[in-house]
């Protein structure tokens, strides 16, 4: 699940604006992606996913659905196939809801992400060059490429242990990420392909809030403690604010 979430955050975070003309250098591609991430406040796309097994040499799972992203820190990752499945966060709590099991897992975002790197992109603070070693993939076309194929290696060892090498295929005309690939510790490759991409669409903040339906079991890991302001105890009086009239 952490590999999937990282793919979502990184792919949403590096969507960029249009660019035409001569092929760009690596520095130009990275600079354009960083500059445009700063202007992206929301993002939506359809996605197709498949997990390829290195051991068996074939796809072992497939899925499809819709991604919604809004700064700061909000994301909805909704599967429609092979069965309904929802990951959604408001920037504080992440829910993993599987309707067929009638279960919803509730996690603090910091618990859900073992690396702070994806979170920095989710909250709009990520910069590619500061957090990754970036290179063109071997065989990258130099003459009028249709796609820029980038390899991203996290600079920190703990991030590399979680994410491995991230591969992005960026449309050379629209500068939108069309495909993201991540390889897990078992050698399986998680491939995500994006279509119907919209940058800065209007998204209702309510879609990032989740209330478990009646009859759904809520599961939280040991140590879960949502950071909410404590409520006053019954029968206690709060101290009046400065400027309040005394009776």
Foldseek 3Di string as FASTA:
>chain_A
DQQVLLQQLVQVQQFFFFDDDADDDPVVLQVRSLVGSLVFFKKKWKKKKFKAAPVVRGTPDIWIDMWIAGAQQWIWDFTPPPHTWIWTALNFWIWTDDVVVLAIEIAGPCVSHVDCQSNCSNNSNDRQVVFWDKDFDPPQDNGPGQWTKMWTAGPDPVVCQAFPIKIFIAGNGGRRTQWIWTAHPNRMIMIMGTDPMDTPDDDDSCVRDDDRDPPRHYHYDPPDDGDDDDDDDPPDDDDDDPPDDDD
